[in-house]
Amino acid sequence: MAFFYVSFYHYFAFVHYGILFALSYLMKKIYIILIVFAFGLSSCRWTNRSDTLDETAASLSDLLFTYDLWYVDIDKTTGTGNVPFMSRAFTISFLPGGEVYANDNMVGLGYTGDGLGIRIGFYTVYNQSGMLSIDDDISGQYDFEVAQINNNTIRLHNRAENVTYFLTGYLQSQFDYDALFYDNVTYFLQEYEAWHKVYEDLPHPSEPFVAENHLRFYVNGNTNVFDSSTSPPNWPLTQLHWDYYGDYEVVNTRQAASKKLFLYYNINNQQESFVLTVLNDQRIRLTNLNTGNVFEFEGAGYIQYRPQAKRLKKKIQTGKALLCRKK
C-alpha cells in the first residue's frame, strides 16, 4: 500500500511539472513569434497600406537613392496648396550626403550640376515613420508623408499645404533631357528678363509685329502672359517701355523641336501666330504663319532663380482662332 502511494505521488508530480514545462516552452515560442511579427510591421511602416507596395524596399532612404532623378509630374498634382520649390522643379535629386538638387531651369538643362541642376537645400529621412523633410534654402522647411506607388513612383503629401506631388524615378543614363526641354519651351521663354530682336527678314514689312523689338514672358497667377515693346533696338533693359500685353500659348507640332507660338493681345481679340524654333539656349526664331516674316530674338538677363515661378498644369492646346492684327 505504501509503495502504491509513493508511486502515485511521483507519477502525479511528473505529470504536473511536465505540463508546466510544456506551457513555458509554448509561451516562449509565442513571444518570439510576436516579436518577429512586430519587427516586420515596423520595417515597412513608412508605406501606405492602401497602395500597391513594394515591401521588399529596405528603407525610404534606399528607395530615394535608387534613382538619380525624380521627375515631378506637375499634371498629377492634387490639392489646394503649393510648395514653392516643388512647383518650380522639373526634377529633384536626393544625394547620399543629404543635399537636394533640382532642375528648375531649361537653360543649361542636362549640363548644370552634371545634369542634376542646382543645389536647393538639404533633406532628412525618417525611415520608421515614412517622413521626408526638405529644408529649401529659400522657402524653408516642408515635411512630406511618402508612399511608394510602384517600383519607380512615389507620392509626397504635405498636410500643412494640403498638396500632393507625384514623382517618377529615372536613372540619369536613361533620362531624355531633350524631351523634357521641348515639352517645356513655355517656361524656357520665361527664363530671361527680355528677348531682344537681333535679326529680321521681311517679305511683308507692313506687318504690325515688325515695330515690336522686345518681348518678355512670365506667369501671372495661373496664366502665362507676355509683354511687347516698341522701344528701339539695343535699348537698355531697364528703360524698356512695354506697350502691349496679353496671354501666350506654346503648341506642339509634329516635330518635337518645332512649336507654334500664339500671342493673344489684349486688344480687340487680336493675335500673332508664329512657328517657334529654339536655335540655342539664348536664341529663338519666330516665323509668322500668315506673312512668312522671320524674326530672331536673343535672351537678356538670365534668371536662374524666379521666386514667383510656377509650373502650371497643361491645358488642352487650342491655338485660338482669333483675329489677326491689323496695322
C-alpha atoms as a PDB file:
ATOM      1  CA  MET A   1       0.000   0.000   0.000  1.00  0.00           C
ATOM      2  CA  ALA A   2       2.864   2.403   0.872  1.00  0.00           C
ATOM      3  CA  PHE A   3       4.600   1.501  -2.389  1.00  0.00           C
ATOM      4  CA  PHE A   4       1.456   2.351  -4.363  1.00  0.00           C
ATOM      5  CA  TYR A   5       1.141   5.685  -2.550  1.00  0.00           C
ATOM      6  CA  VAL A   6       4.744   6.682  -3.312  1.00  0.00           C
ATOM      7  CA  SER A   7       4.460   5.650  -6.995  1.00  0.00           C
ATOM      8  CA  PHE A   8       1.220   7.559  -7.413  1.00  0.00           C
ATOM      9  CA  TYR A   9       2.759  10.646  -5.824  1.00  0.00           C
ATOM     10  CA  HIS A  10       5.786  10.523  -8.143  1.00  0.00           C
ATOM     11  CA  TYR A  11       3.575   9.975 -11.162  1.00  0.00           C
ATOM     12  CA  PHE A  12       1.380  12.964 -10.257  1.00  0.00           C
ATOM     13  CA  ALA A  13       4.409  15.186  -9.707  1.00  0.00           C
ATOM     14  CA  PHE A  14       5.967  14.114 -13.010  1.00  0.00           C
ATOM     15  CA  VAL A  15       2.751  14.926 -14.939  1.00  0.00           C
ATOM     16  CA  HIS A  16       2.321  18.254 -13.116  1.00  0.00           C
ATOM     17  CA  TYR A  17       5.832  19.523 -13.835  1.00  0.00           C
ATOM     18  CA  GLY A  18       5.690  18.185 -17.392  1.00  0.00           C
ATOM     19  CA  ILE A  19       2.606  20.291 -18.097  1.00  0.00           C
ATOM     20  CA  LEU A  20       4.254  23.372 -16.595  1.00  0.00           C
ATOM     21  CA  PHE A  21       7.378  22.841 -18.714  1.00  0.00           C
ATOM     22  CA  ALA A  22       5.293  22.447 -21.916  1.00  0.00           C
ATOM     23  CA  LEU A  23       3.319  25.590 -21.185  1.00  0.00           C
ATOM     24  CA  SER A  24       6.521  27.553 -20.504  1.00  0.00           C
ATOM     25  CA  TYR A  25       8.084  26.353 -23.773  1.00  0.00           C
ATOM     26  CA  LEU A  26       4.915  27.264 -25.707  1.00  0.00           C
ATOM     27  CA  MET A  27       4.784  30.774 -24.228  1.00  0.00           C
ATOM     28  CA  LYS A  28       8.399  31.434 -25.244  1.00  0.00           C
ATOM     29  CA  LYS A  29       7.616  30.392 -28.817  1.00  0.00           C
ATOM     30  CA  ILE A  30       4.568  32.706 -28.944  1.00  0.00           C
ATOM     31  CA  TYR A  31       6.646  35.578 -27.533  1.00  0.00           C
ATOM     32  CA  ILE A  32       9.334  35.110 -30.197  1.00  0.00           C
ATOM     33  CA  ILE A  33       6.720  34.978 -32.961  1.00  0.00           C
ATOM     34  CA  LEU A  34       5.122  38.209 -31.715  1.00  0.00           C
ATOM     35  CA  ILE A  35       8.493  39.987 -31.672  1.00  0.00           C
ATOM     36  CA  VAL A  36       9.284  38.910 -35.231  1.00  0.00           C
ATOM     37  CA  PHE A  37       5.803  39.961 -36.408  1.00  0.00           C
ATOM     38  CA  ALA A  38       6.081  43.372 -34.749  1.00  0.00           C
ATOM     39  CA  PHE A  39       9.519  43.940 -36.285  1.00  0.00           C
ATOM     40  CA  GLY A  40       8.184  43.041 -39.712  1.00  0.00           C
ATOM     41  CA  LEU A  41       5.405  45.617 -39.397  1.00  0.00           C
ATOM     42  CA  SER A  42       7.746  48.368 -38.227  1.00  0.00           C
ATOM     43  CA  SER A  43      10.202  47.740 -41.064  1.00  0.00           C
ATOM     44  CA  CYS A  44       7.652  48.751 -43.722  1.00  0.00           C
ATOM     45  CA  ARG A  45       5.624  51.232 -41.695  1.00  0.00           C
ATOM     46  CA  TRP A  46       6.569  54.154 -43.970  1.00  0.00           C
ATOM     47  CA  THR A  47       4.469  52.803 -46.820  1.00  0.00           C
ATOM     48  CA  ASN A  48       0.743  53.332 -47.174  1.00  0.00           C
ATOM     49  CA  ARG A  49      -1.306  50.158 -46.806  1.00  0.00           C
ATOM     50  CA  SER A  50      -3.908  51.379 -49.265  1.00  0.00           C
ATOM     51  CA  ASP A  51      -1.396  51.386 -52.132  1.00  0.00           C
ATOM     52  CA  THR A  52       0.226  48.653 -54.167  1.00  0.00           C
ATOM     53  CA  LEU A  53       3.523  48.413 -52.311  1.00  0.00           C
ATOM     54  CA  ASP A  54       6.985  47.085 -52.902  1.00  0.00           C
ATOM     55  CA  GLU A  55       7.506  45.650 -49.430  1.00  0.00           C
ATOM     56  CA  THR A  56      10.986  44.429 -50.327  1.00  0.00           C
ATOM     57  CA  ALA A  57      12.301  48.005 -50.108  1.00  0.00           C
ATOM     58  CA  ALA A  58      14.640  48.108 -47.133  1.00  0.00           C
ATOM     59  CA  SER A  59      14.009  51.778 -46.309  1.00  0.00           C
ATOM     60  CA  LEU A  60      12.830  55.077 -47.663  1.00  0.00           C
ATOM     61  CA  SER A  61      16.452  56.206 -47.922  1.00  0.00           C
ATOM     62  CA  ASP A  62      17.315  53.249 -50.137  1.00  0.00           C
ATOM     63  CA  LEU A  63      14.354  53.981 -52.377  1.00  0.00           C
ATOM     64  CA  LEU A  64      15.321  57.639 -52.864  1.00  0.00           C
ATOM     65  CA  PHE A  65      18.904  56.632 -53.730  1.00  0.00           C
ATOM     66  CA  THR A  66      17.735  54.052 -56.273  1.00  0.00           C
ATOM     67  CA  TYR A  67      17.175  56.742 -58.924  1.00  0.00           C
ATOM     68  CA  ASP A  68      19.337  59.701 -59.950  1.00  0.00           C
ATOM     69  CA  LEU A  69      16.441  61.923 -60.971  1.00  0.00           C
ATOM     70  CA  TRP A  70      12.858  62.139 -59.736  1.00  0.00           C
ATOM     71  CA  TYR A  71      10.632  63.808 -62.340  1.00  0.00           C
ATOM     72  CA  VAL A  72       7.913  65.973 -60.772  1.00  0.00           C
ATOM     73  CA  ASP A  73       4.764  65.183 -62.763  1.00  0.00           C
ATOM     74  CA  ILE A  74       3.032  68.507 -62.196  1.00  0.00           C
ATOM     75  CA  ASP A  75      -0.068  67.424 -64.147  1.00  0.00           C
ATOM     76  CA  LYS A  76      -0.840  64.793 -61.499  1.00  0.00           C
ATOM     77  CA  THR A  77      -0.573  67.222 -58.580  1.00  0.00           C
ATOM     78  CA  THR A  78      -3.661  67.294 -56.356  1.00  0.00           C
ATOM     79  CA  GLY A  79      -4.799  69.537 -53.529  1.00  0.00           C
ATOM     80  CA  THR A  80      -5.339  73.225 -52.932  1.00  0.00           C
ATOM     81  CA  GLY A  81      -1.928  74.375 -51.700  1.00  0.00           C
ATOM     82  CA  ASN A  82       1.543  74.887 -53.085  1.00  0.00           C
ATOM     83  CA  VAL A  83       5.109  74.074 -52.029  1.00  0.00           C
ATOM     84  CA  PRO A  84       7.183  76.637 -53.978  1.00  0.00           C
ATOM     85  CA  PHE A  85      10.303  74.592 -54.691  1.00  0.00           C
ATOM     86  CA  MET A  86       8.238  71.585 -55.776  1.00  0.00           C
ATOM     87  CA  SER A  87       6.109  73.650 -58.177  1.00  0.00           C
ATOM     88  CA  ARG A  88       9.244  75.132 -59.761  1.00  0.00           C
ATOM     89  CA  ALA A  89      11.199  71.896 -60.120  1.00  0.00           C
ATOM     90  CA  PHE A  90      11.208  69.693 -63.195  1.00  0.00           C
ATOM     91  CA  THR A  91      13.350  67.076 -61.418  1.00  0.00           C
ATOM     92  CA  ILE A  92      14.503  66.504 -57.832  1.00  0.00           C
ATOM     93  CA  SER A  93      17.598  64.517 -56.787  1.00  0.00           C
ATOM     94  CA  PHE A  94      18.483  63.250 -53.322  1.00  0.00           C
ATOM     95  CA  LEU A  95      22.221  62.836 -52.792  1.00  0.00           C
ATOM     96  CA  PRO A  96      23.531  60.393 -50.143  1.00  0.00           C
ATOM     97  CA  GLY A  97      25.176  63.271 -48.241  1.00  0.00           C
ATOM     98  CA  GLY A  98      21.819  64.905 -47.518  1.00  0.00           C
ATOM     99  CA  GLU A  99      21.811  67.508 -50.303  1.00  0.00           C
ATOM    100  CA  VAL A 100      18.823  68.158 -52.556  1.00  0.00           C
ATOM    101  CA  TYR A 101      19.382  69.159 -56.185  1.00  0.00           C
ATOM    102  CA  ALA A 102      16.737  70.357 -58.638  1.00  0.00           C
ATOM    103  CA  ASN A 103      16.453  71.164 -62.323  1.00  0.00           C
ATOM    104  CA  ASP A 104      14.439  74.383 -62.119  1.00  0.00           C
ATOM    105  CA  ASN A 105      15.597  75.803 -65.447  1.00  0.00           C
ATOM    106  CA  MET A 106      15.505  74.834 -69.089  1.00  0.00           C
ATOM    107  CA  VAL A 107      18.626  76.894 -69.809  1.00  0.00           C
ATOM    108  CA  GLY A 108      21.592  74.583 -69.186  1.00  0.00           C
ATOM    109  CA  LEU A 109      19.371  71.520 -68.761  1.00  0.00           C
ATOM    110  CA  GLY A 110      21.464  68.355 -68.858  1.00  0.00           C
ATOM    111  CA  TYR A 111      24.694  70.238 -68.111  1.00  0.00           C
ATOM    112  CA  THR A 112      24.131  72.269 -64.948  1.00  0.00           C
ATOM    113  CA  GLY A 113      25.261  70.275 -61.924  1.00  0.00           C
ATOM    114  CA  ASP A 114      26.234  67.362 -64.161  1.00  0.00           C
ATOM    115  CA  GLY A 115      22.600  67.056 -65.163  1.00  0.00           C
ATOM    116  CA  LEU A 116      21.151  67.254 -61.648  1.00  0.00           C
ATOM    117  CA  GLY A 117      20.649  71.032 -61.656  1.00  0.00           C
ATOM    118  CA  ILE A 118      21.472  73.302 -58.733  1.00  0.00           C
ATOM    119  CA  ARG A 119      21.571  72.581 -55.008  1.00  0.00           C
ATOM    120  CA  ILE A 120      18.412  73.946 -53.412  1.00  0.00           C
ATOM    121  CA  GLY A 121      18.804  72.706 -49.835  1.00  0.00           C
ATOM    122  CA  PHE A 122      19.045  69.657 -47.591  1.00  0.00           C
ATOM    123  CA  TYR A 123      16.802  66.774 -46.612  1.00  0.00           C
ATOM    124  CA  THR A 124      16.276  64.373 -43.715  1.00  0.00           C
ATOM    125  CA  VAL A 125      14.639  60.947 -43.954  1.00  0.00           C
ATOM    126  CA  TYR A 126      12.745  59.309 -41.087  1.00  0.00           C
ATOM    127  CA  ASN A 127      12.562  55.690 -42.209  1.00  0.00           C
ATOM    128  CA  GLN A 128      10.327  54.390 -39.434  1.00  0.00           C
ATOM    129  CA  SER A 129       7.599  56.994 -39.884  1.00  0.00           C
ATOM    130  CA  GLY A 130       7.956  57.382 -43.644  1.00  0.00           C
ATOM    131  CA  MET A 131       8.519  61.128 -43.376  1.00  0.00           C
ATOM    132  CA  LEU A 132      10.745  63.198 -45.649  1.00  0.00           C
ATOM    133  CA  SER A 133      11.760  66.677 -44.501  1.00  0.00           C
ATOM    134  CA  ILE A 134      13.200  69.088 -47.097  1.00  0.00           C
ATOM    135  CA  ASP A 135      14.790  72.350 -45.968  1.00  0.00           C
ATOM    136  CA  ASP A 136      14.842  74.614 -49.014  1.00  0.00           C
ATOM    137  CA  ASP A 137      17.421  77.416 -48.989  1.00  0.00           C
ATOM    138  CA  ILE A 138      14.756  79.987 -49.903  1.00  0.00           C
ATOM    139  CA  SER A 139      11.332  78.651 -48.917  1.00  0.00           C
ATOM    140  CA  GLY A 140      12.287  76.943 -45.662  1.00  0.00           C
ATOM    141  CA  GLN A 141      11.348  73.520 -44.302  1.00  0.00           C
ATOM    142  CA  TYR A 142       8.476  71.354 -45.549  1.00  0.00           C
ATOM    143  CA  ASP A 143       7.570  67.873 -44.316  1.00  0.00           C
ATOM    144  CA  PHE A 144       6.133  65.180 -46.573  1.00  0.00           C
ATOM    145  CA  GLU A 145       4.467  61.840 -45.964  1.00  0.00           C
ATOM    146  CA  VAL A 146       5.908  59.416 -48.523  1.00  0.00           C
ATOM    147  CA  ALA A 147       4.111  56.463 -50.093  1.00  0.00           C
ATOM    148  CA  GLN A 148       5.543  54.136 -52.715  1.00  0.00           C
ATOM    149  CA  ILE A 149       3.067  53.650 -55.569  1.00  0.00           C
ATOM    150  CA  ASN A 150       5.137  51.242 -57.670  1.00  0.00           C
ATOM    151  CA  ASN A 151       8.787  50.433 -58.364  1.00  0.00           C
ATOM    152  CA  ASN A 152       9.664  53.932 -59.577  1.00  0.00           C
ATOM    153  CA  THR A 153       6.795  56.179 -58.468  1.00  0.00           C
ATOM    154  CA  ILE A 154       6.337  57.839 -55.086  1.00  0.00           C
ATOM    155  CA  ARG A 155       3.746  60.180 -53.665  1.00  0.00           C
ATOM    156  CA  LEU A 156       4.721  63.143 -51.476  1.00  0.00           C
ATOM    157  CA  HIS A 157       1.920  64.655 -49.383  1.00  0.00           C
ATOM    158  CA  ASN A 158       2.281  67.856 -47.381  1.00  0.00           C
ATOM    159  CA  ARG A 159      -0.519  68.163 -44.832  1.00  0.00           C
ATOM    160  CA  ALA A 160       0.146  71.804 -43.942  1.00  0.00           C
ATOM    161  CA  GLU A 161      -0.378  72.980 -47.542  1.00  0.00           C
ATOM    162  CA  ASN A 162      -2.849  70.228 -48.464  1.00  0.00           C
ATOM    163  CA  VAL A 163      -0.981  69.328 -51.633  1.00  0.00           C
ATOM    164  CA  THR A 164       0.259  66.041 -53.080  1.00  0.00           C
ATOM    165  CA  TYR A 165       3.020  65.595 -55.660  1.00  0.00           C
ATOM    166  CA  PHE A 166       3.819  62.506 -57.717  1.00  0.00           C
ATOM    167  CA  LEU A 167       7.442  61.772 -58.621  1.00  0.00           C
ATOM    168  CA  THR A 168       8.756  59.245 -61.146  1.00  0.00           C
ATOM    169  CA  GLY A 169      12.311  57.943 -60.751  1.00  0.00           C
ATOM    170  CA  TYR A 170      14.856  57.643 -63.576  1.00  0.00           C
ATOM    171  CA  LEU A 171      18.463  56.633 -63.922  1.00  0.00           C
ATOM    172  CA  GLN A 172      20.388  59.502 -65.460  1.00  0.00           C
ATOM    173  CA  SER A 173      21.623  57.334 -68.323  1.00  0.00           C
ATOM    174  CA  GLN A 174      18.008  56.659 -69.312  1.00  0.00           C
ATOM    175  CA  PHE A 175      16.622  60.165 -68.838  1.00  0.00           C
ATOM    176  CA  ASP A 176      15.628  62.092 -72.002  1.00  0.00           C
ATOM    177  CA  TYR A 177      16.696  65.690 -71.363  1.00  0.00           C
ATOM    178  CA  ASP A 178      15.757  66.779 -74.896  1.00  0.00           C
ATOM    179  CA  ALA A 179      12.193  65.546 -74.495  1.00  0.00           C
ATOM    180  CA  LEU A 180      11.898  67.398 -71.179  1.00  0.00           C
ATOM    181  CA  PHE A 181      13.219  70.608 -72.756  1.00  0.00           C
ATOM    182  CA  TYR A 182      10.949  70.613 -75.794  1.00  0.00           C
ATOM    183  CA  ASP A 183       7.956  69.717 -73.666  1.00  0.00           C
ATOM    184  CA  ASN A 184       8.569  72.841 -71.562  1.00  0.00           C
ATOM    185  CA  VAL A 185       9.515  75.567 -74.044  1.00  0.00           C
ATOM    186  CA  THR A 186       6.757  77.625 -72.405  1.00  0.00           C
ATOM    187  CA  TYR A 187       8.980  78.012 -69.327  1.00  0.00           C
ATOM    188  CA  PHE A 188      12.204  78.390 -71.304  1.00  0.00           C
ATOM    189  CA  LEU A 189      10.806  81.682 -72.629  1.00  0.00           C
ATOM    190  CA  GLN A 190      10.343  82.903 -69.044  1.00  0.00           C
ATOM    191  CA  GLU A 191      13.991  82.433 -68.058  1.00  0.00           C
ATOM    192  CA  TYR A 192      15.150  85.782 -69.455  1.00  0.00           C
ATOM    193  CA  GLU A 193      14.095  89.235 -68.355  1.00  0.00           C
ATOM    194  CA  ALA A 194      13.544  90.139 -72.002  1.00  0.00           C
ATOM    195  CA  TRP A 195      14.074  88.913 -75.563  1.00  0.00           C
ATOM    196  CA  HIS A 196      15.635  91.481 -77.910  1.00  0.00           C
ATOM    197  CA  LYS A 197      15.116  91.353 -81.673  1.00  0.00           C
ATOM    198  CA  VAL A 198      18.509  90.892 -83.372  1.00  0.00           C
ATOM    199  CA  TYR A 199      17.536  89.840 -86.909  1.00  0.00           C
ATOM    200  CA  GLU A 200      14.600  90.090 -89.294  1.00  0.00           C
ATOM    201  CA  ASP A 201      13.747  89.029 -92.847  1.00  0.00           C
ATOM    202  CA  LEU A 202      10.618  90.856 -94.060  1.00  0.00           C
ATOM    203  CA  PRO A 203       8.782  89.692 -97.183  1.00  0.00           C
ATOM    204  CA  HIS A 204       5.812  91.724 -95.822  1.00  0.00           C
ATOM    205  CA  PRO A 205       7.222  94.771 -93.981  1.00  0.00           C
ATOM    206  CA  SER A 206       3.768  96.183 -93.246  1.00  0.00           C
ATOM    207  CA  GLU A 207       3.091  93.555 -90.587  1.00  0.00           C
ATOM    208  CA  PRO A 208       2.372  95.280 -87.217  1.00  0.00           C
ATOM    209  CA  PHE A 209       4.744  92.992 -85.322  1.00  0.00           C
ATOM    210  CA  VAL A 210       7.676  94.477 -87.262  1.00  0.00           C
ATOM    211  CA  ALA A 211       7.527  97.506 -84.943  1.00  0.00           C
ATOM    212  CA  GLU A 212       7.864  95.344 -81.805  1.00  0.00           C
ATOM    213  CA  ASN A 213      11.505  94.894 -80.861  1.00  0.00           C
ATOM    214  CA  HIS A 214      11.348  93.322 -77.403  1.00  0.00           C
ATOM    215  CA  LEU A 215       9.329  90.568 -75.705  1.00  0.00           C
ATOM    216  CA  ARG A 216       9.121  89.158 -72.204  1.00  0.00           C
ATOM    217  CA  PHE A 217       7.263  86.152 -70.823  1.00  0.00           C
ATOM    218  CA  TYR A 218       6.205  85.291 -67.267  1.00  0.00           C
ATOM    219  CA  VAL A 219       3.496  83.756 -65.081  1.00  0.00           C
ATOM    220  CA  ASN A 220       0.761  85.942 -63.619  1.00  0.00           C
ATOM    221  CA  GLY A 221      -1.322  83.937 -61.178  1.00  0.00           C
ATOM    222  CA  ASN A 222      -2.335  80.855 -63.140  1.00  0.00           C
ATOM    223  CA  THR A 223      -1.802  82.364 -66.585  1.00  0.00           C
ATOM    224  CA  ASN A 224       1.219  82.537 -68.897  1.00  0.00           C
ATOM    225  CA  VAL A 225       1.457  86.136 -70.077  1.00  0.00           C
ATOM    226  CA  PHE A 226       3.691  88.263 -72.302  1.00  0.00           C
ATOM    227  CA  ASP A 227       4.585  91.934 -72.778  1.00  0.00           C
ATOM    228  CA  SER A 228       5.755  93.544 -76.022  1.00  0.00           C
ATOM    229  CA  SER A 229       7.745  96.742 -76.521  1.00  0.00           C
ATOM    230  CA  THR A 230       8.320  99.089 -79.456  1.00  0.00           C
ATOM    231  CA  SER A 231      11.351 100.661 -77.770  1.00  0.00           C
ATOM    232  CA  PRO A 232      14.290 100.970 -80.206  1.00  0.00           C
ATOM    233  CA  PRO A 233      16.652  98.029 -80.749  1.00  0.00           C
ATOM    234  CA  ASN A 234      19.599  97.815 -78.323  1.00  0.00           C
ATOM    235  CA  TRP A 235      17.641  99.877 -75.816  1.00  0.00           C
ATOM    236  CA  PRO A 236      18.781  99.358 -72.172  1.00  0.00           C
ATOM    237  CA  LEU A 237      16.826  96.591 -70.466  1.00  0.00           C
ATOM    238  CA  THR A 238      15.868  98.772 -67.502  1.00  0.00           C
ATOM    239  CA  GLN A 239      14.485 101.521 -69.757  1.00  0.00           C
ATOM    240  CA  LEU A 240      12.174  99.451 -71.922  1.00  0.00           C
ATOM    241  CA  HIS A 241       8.573 100.637 -72.173  1.00  0.00           C
ATOM    242  CA  TRP A 242       6.071  97.814 -72.517  1.00  0.00           C
ATOM    243  CA  ASP A 243       3.364  98.825 -74.984  1.00  0.00           C
ATOM    244  CA  TYR A 244       1.280  95.660 -75.348  1.00  0.00           C
ATOM    245  CA  TYR A 245       0.392  92.664 -73.223  1.00  0.00           C
ATOM    246  CA  GLY A 246      -1.712  89.510 -73.281  1.00  0.00           C
ATOM    247  CA  ASP A 247      -1.703  85.727 -72.834  1.00  0.00           C
ATOM    248  CA  TYR A 248       0.526  83.394 -74.784  1.00  0.00           C
ATOM    249  CA  GLU A 249       0.465  79.721 -75.664  1.00  0.00           C
ATOM    250  CA  VAL A 250       3.084  77.294 -76.985  1.00  0.00           C
ATOM    251  CA  VAL A 251       1.536  74.472 -79.024  1.00  0.00           C
ATOM    252  CA  ASN A 252       3.200  71.248 -80.149  1.00  0.00           C
ATOM    253  CA  THR A 253       3.708  70.347 -83.796  1.00  0.00           C
ATOM    254  CA  ARG A 254       4.626  67.037 -85.418  1.00  0.00           C
ATOM    255  CA  GLN A 255       8.297  67.913 -84.977  1.00  0.00           C
ATOM    256  CA  ALA A 256       9.345  67.933 -81.327  1.00  0.00           C
ATOM    257  CA  ALA A 257      11.913  70.711 -81.872  1.00  0.00           C
ATOM    258  CA  SER A 258       9.384  72.978 -83.599  1.00  0.00           C
ATOM    259  CA  LYS A 259       6.495  74.678 -81.821  1.00  0.00           C
ATOM    260  CA  LYS A 260       3.762  77.161 -82.582  1.00  0.00           C
ATOM    261  CA  LEU A 261       3.647  80.352 -80.535  1.00  0.00           C
ATOM    262  CA  PHE A 262       0.382  82.256 -80.216  1.00  0.00           C
ATOM    263  CA  LEU A 263       0.368  85.777 -78.769  1.00  0.00           C
ATOM    264  CA  TYR A 264      -3.172  86.761 -77.728  1.00  0.00           C
ATOM    265  CA  TYR A 265      -3.099  90.541 -77.446  1.00  0.00           C
ATOM    266  CA  ASN A 266      -5.425  92.263 -75.044  1.00  0.00           C
ATOM    267  CA  ILE A 267      -6.631  94.466 -77.915  1.00  0.00           C
ATOM    268  CA  ASN A 268      -9.868  93.539 -79.690  1.00  0.00           C
ATOM    269  CA  ASN A 269      -9.058  89.807 -79.617  1.00  0.00           C
ATOM    270  CA  GLN A 270      -6.098  90.250 -81.942  1.00  0.00           C
ATOM    271  CA  GLN A 271      -3.279  87.724 -82.182  1.00  0.00           C
ATOM    272  CA  GLU A 272       0.059  86.922 -83.771  1.00  0.00           C
ATOM    273  CA  SER A 273       0.924  83.350 -84.778  1.00  0.00           C
ATOM    274  CA  PHE A 274       4.434  82.011 -85.306  1.00  0.00           C
ATOM    275  CA  VAL A 275       6.445  78.888 -85.840  1.00  0.00           C
ATOM    276  CA  LEU A 276       8.855  78.941 -82.892  1.00  0.00           C
ATOM    277  CA  THR A 277      12.299  77.382 -83.320  1.00  0.00           C
ATOM    278  CA  VAL A 278      14.826  77.228 -80.483  1.00  0.00           C
ATOM    279  CA  LEU A 279      18.246  77.877 -82.027  1.00  0.00           C
ATOM    280  CA  ASN A 280      20.213  77.545 -78.780  1.00  0.00           C
ATOM    281  CA  ASP A 281      19.882  78.277 -75.066  1.00  0.00           C
ATOM    282  CA  GLN A 282      19.752  82.029 -75.756  1.00  0.00           C
ATOM    283  CA  ARG A 283      18.304  82.500 -79.222  1.00  0.00           C
ATOM    284  CA  ILE A 284      14.932  81.787 -80.827  1.00  0.00           C
ATOM    285  CA  ARG A 285      13.441  82.258 -84.304  1.00  0.00           C
ATOM    286  CA  LEU A 286       9.836  83.313 -84.926  1.00  0.00           C
ATOM    287  CA  THR A 287       8.354  82.782 -88.396  1.00  0.00           C
ATOM    288  CA  ASN A 288       4.987  84.448 -88.884  1.00  0.00           C
ATOM    289  CA  LEU A 289       2.417  81.883 -90.053  1.00  0.00           C
ATOM    290  CA  ASN A 290       0.496  84.466 -92.084  1.00  0.00           C
ATOM    291  CA  THR A 291       3.208  86.633 -93.689  1.00  0.00           C
ATOM    292  CA  GLY A 292       6.328  84.460 -93.650  1.00  0.00           C
ATOM    293  CA  ASN A 293       8.297  87.254 -91.937  1.00  0.00           C
ATOM    294  CA  VAL A 294      11.211  85.889 -89.898  1.00  0.00           C
ATOM    295  CA  PHE A 295      12.432  87.367 -86.615  1.00  0.00           C
ATOM    296  CA  GLU A 296      15.231  86.231 -84.323  1.00  0.00           C
ATOM    297  CA  PHE A 297      15.463  87.207 -80.667  1.00  0.00           C
ATOM    298  CA  GLU A 298      18.221  86.821 -78.077  1.00  0.00           C
ATOM    299  CA  GLY A 299      17.548  86.462 -74.382  1.00  0.00           C
ATOM    300  CA  ALA A 300      18.944  89.085 -71.995  1.00  0.00           C
ATOM    301  CA  GLY A 301      19.100  88.983 -68.214  1.00  0.00           C
ATOM    302  CA  TYR A 302      19.106  85.251 -67.466  1.00  0.00           C
ATOM    303  CA  ILE A 303      17.012  84.470 -64.387  1.00  0.00           C
ATOM    304  CA  GLN A 304      18.272  81.352 -62.630  1.00  0.00           C
ATOM    305  CA  TYR A 305      16.014  81.754 -59.619  1.00  0.00           C
ATOM    306  CA  ARG A 306      12.473  83.020 -60.152  1.00  0.00           C
ATOM    307  CA  PRO A 307      10.666  83.460 -56.804  1.00  0.00           C
ATOM    308  CA  GLN A 308       7.238  83.658 -58.428  1.00  0.00           C
ATOM    309  CA  ALA A 309       7.906  80.928 -60.986  1.00  0.00           C
ATOM    310  CA  LYS A 310       5.326  78.178 -61.047  1.00  0.00           C
ATOM    311  CA  ARG A 311       4.733  75.308 -63.427  1.00  0.00           C
ATOM    312  CA  LEU A 312       1.108  75.184 -64.464  1.00  0.00           C
ATOM    313  CA  LYS A 313      -0.866  72.094 -65.346  1.00  0.00           C
ATOM    314  CA  LYS A 314      -1.022  71.653 -69.106  1.00  0.00           C
ATOM    315  CA  LYS A 315      -4.273  72.788 -70.629  1.00  0.00           C
ATOM    316  CA  ILE A 316      -5.784  71.433 -73.826  1.00  0.00           C
ATOM    317  CA  GLN A 317      -3.842  73.219 -76.538  1.00  0.00           C
ATOM    318  CA  THR A 318      -6.182  75.246 -78.670  1.00  0.00           C
ATOM    319  CA  GLY A 319      -4.376  77.765 -80.865  1.00  0.00           C
ATOM    320  CA  LYS A 320      -7.381  80.055 -80.508  1.00  0.00           C
ATOM    321  CA  ALA A 321      -8.774  81.236 -83.813  1.00  0.00           C
ATOM    322  CA  LEU A 322      -8.741  84.953 -83.118  1.00  0.00           C
ATOM    323  CA  LEU A 323      -8.443  87.904 -85.435  1.00  0.00           C
ATOM    324  CA  CYS A 324      -5.048  88.746 -86.936  1.00  0.00           C
ATOM    325  CA  ARG A 325      -3.755  92.166 -86.004  1.00  0.00           C
ATOM    326  CA  LYS A 326      -4.148  94.957 -88.468  1.00  0.00           C
ATOM    327  CA  LYS A 327      -1.880  97.945 -88.879  1.00  0.00           C
END
